Protein backbone atom coordinates (compact mmCIF):
# COMPACT_ATOMS: atom_id res chain seq x y z
CA UNK A 1 61.88 116.33 129.05
CA UNK A 2 65.23 117.29 127.55
CA UNK A 3 66.88 114.32 129.27
CA UNK A 4 64.33 111.99 127.70
CA UNK A 5 64.92 113.53 124.27
CA UNK A 6 68.67 113.07 124.69
CA UNK A 7 68.19 109.41 125.59
CA UNK A 8 65.91 108.90 122.58
CA UNK A 9 68.47 110.56 120.33
CA UNK A 10 71.27 108.36 121.69
CA UNK A 11 69.14 105.25 121.08
CA UNK A 12 68.34 106.42 117.56
CA UNK A 13 72.02 107.01 116.75
CA UNK A 14 72.98 103.64 118.19
CA UNK A 15 70.32 101.80 116.15
CA UNK A 16 71.30 103.69 113.03
CA UNK A 17 74.95 102.66 113.43
CA UNK A 18 73.94 99.04 113.94
CA UNK A 19 71.90 99.14 110.74
CA UNK A 20 74.81 100.67 108.84
CA UNK A 21 77.21 98.01 110.15
CA UNK A 22 74.82 95.20 109.26
CA UNK A 23 74.31 96.74 105.83
CA UNK A 24 78.06 96.90 105.24
CA UNK A 25 78.48 93.30 106.40
CA UNK A 26 75.73 92.14 104.05
CA UNK A 27 77.22 94.09 101.16
CA UNK A 28 80.64 92.57 101.94
CA UNK A 29 79.16 89.06 101.81
CA UNK A 30 77.33 89.79 98.54
CA UNK A 31 80.49 91.13 96.93
CA UNK A 32 82.52 88.08 98.02
CA UNK A 33 79.84 85.71 96.68
CA UNK A 34 79.62 87.63 93.41
CA UNK A 35 83.43 87.54 93.11
CA UNK A 36 83.44 83.76 93.53
CA UNK A 37 80.78 83.40 90.84
CA UNK A 38 82.71 85.65 88.47
CA UNK A 39 85.90 83.64 89.04
CA UNK A 40 84.04 80.42 88.23
CA UNK A 41 82.94 82.06 84.96
CA UNK A 42 86.53 83.09 84.17
CA UNK A 43 85.81 86.81 84.60
CA UNK A 44 88.85 87.52 86.74
CA UNK A 45 89.01 91.27 86.20
CA UNK A 46 85.41 91.75 87.35
CA UNK A 47 85.94 89.37 90.30
CA UNK A 48 89.02 91.35 91.26
CA UNK A 49 86.96 94.56 91.26
CA UNK A 50 84.32 92.95 93.51
CA UNK A 51 86.95 91.74 95.94
CA UNK A 52 88.58 95.18 96.06
CA UNK A 53 85.23 96.78 96.88
CA UNK A 54 84.66 94.18 99.59
CA UNK A 55 88.11 94.89 101.01
CA UNK A 56 87.27 98.60 101.25
CA UNK A 57 84.30 97.66 103.42
CA UNK A 58 86.25 95.28 105.64
CA UNK A 59 90.05 95.23 105.79
CA UNK A 60 90.37 91.46 105.92
CA UNK A 61 93.95 90.13 105.67
CA UNK A 62 92.85 86.88 104.02
CA UNK A 63 90.98 88.83 101.36
CA UNK A 64 93.99 91.11 100.88
CA UNK A 65 96.21 88.11 100.13
CA UNK A 66 93.60 86.73 97.74
CA UNK A 67 93.46 90.05 95.88
CA UNK A 68 97.24 90.13 95.59
CA UNK A 69 97.27 86.60 94.13
CA UNK A 70 94.46 87.45 91.73
CA UNK A 71 96.32 90.55 90.54
CA UNK A 72 99.46 88.53 89.84
CA UNK A 73 97.43 85.91 87.99
CA UNK A 74 95.47 88.48 86.00
CA UNK A 75 98.47 90.54 84.93
CA UNK A 76 100.58 87.46 84.18
CA UNK A 77 97.84 86.09 81.96
CA UNK A 78 97.52 89.42 80.16
CA UNK A 79 101.25 89.57 79.49
CA UNK A 80 101.21 86.00 78.20
CA UNK A 81 98.22 86.65 75.91
CA UNK A 82 99.83 89.84 74.58
CA UNK A 83 103.01 87.90 73.83
CA UNK A 84 101.06 85.26 71.89
CA UNK A 85 98.77 87.47 69.87
CA UNK A 86 100.46 90.85 69.48
């Protein structure tokens, strides 16, 4: 009986981990999609935040490079705007 309970517990843990991984993957995809939408609307700071959250879920090198480029663009634009208006 104990052996059967152990096997059931192992199956439960395995299924739970699979659900968590699938949930993280879905959240990653949603964040990437939302980031693309925000970029198309010109909301770079919010898109950058979405991409950073996605990167925390999945350390993707391509996404890391994209974040670095977005940061340069965002901060360069802010410096330029501050120079023009302040």
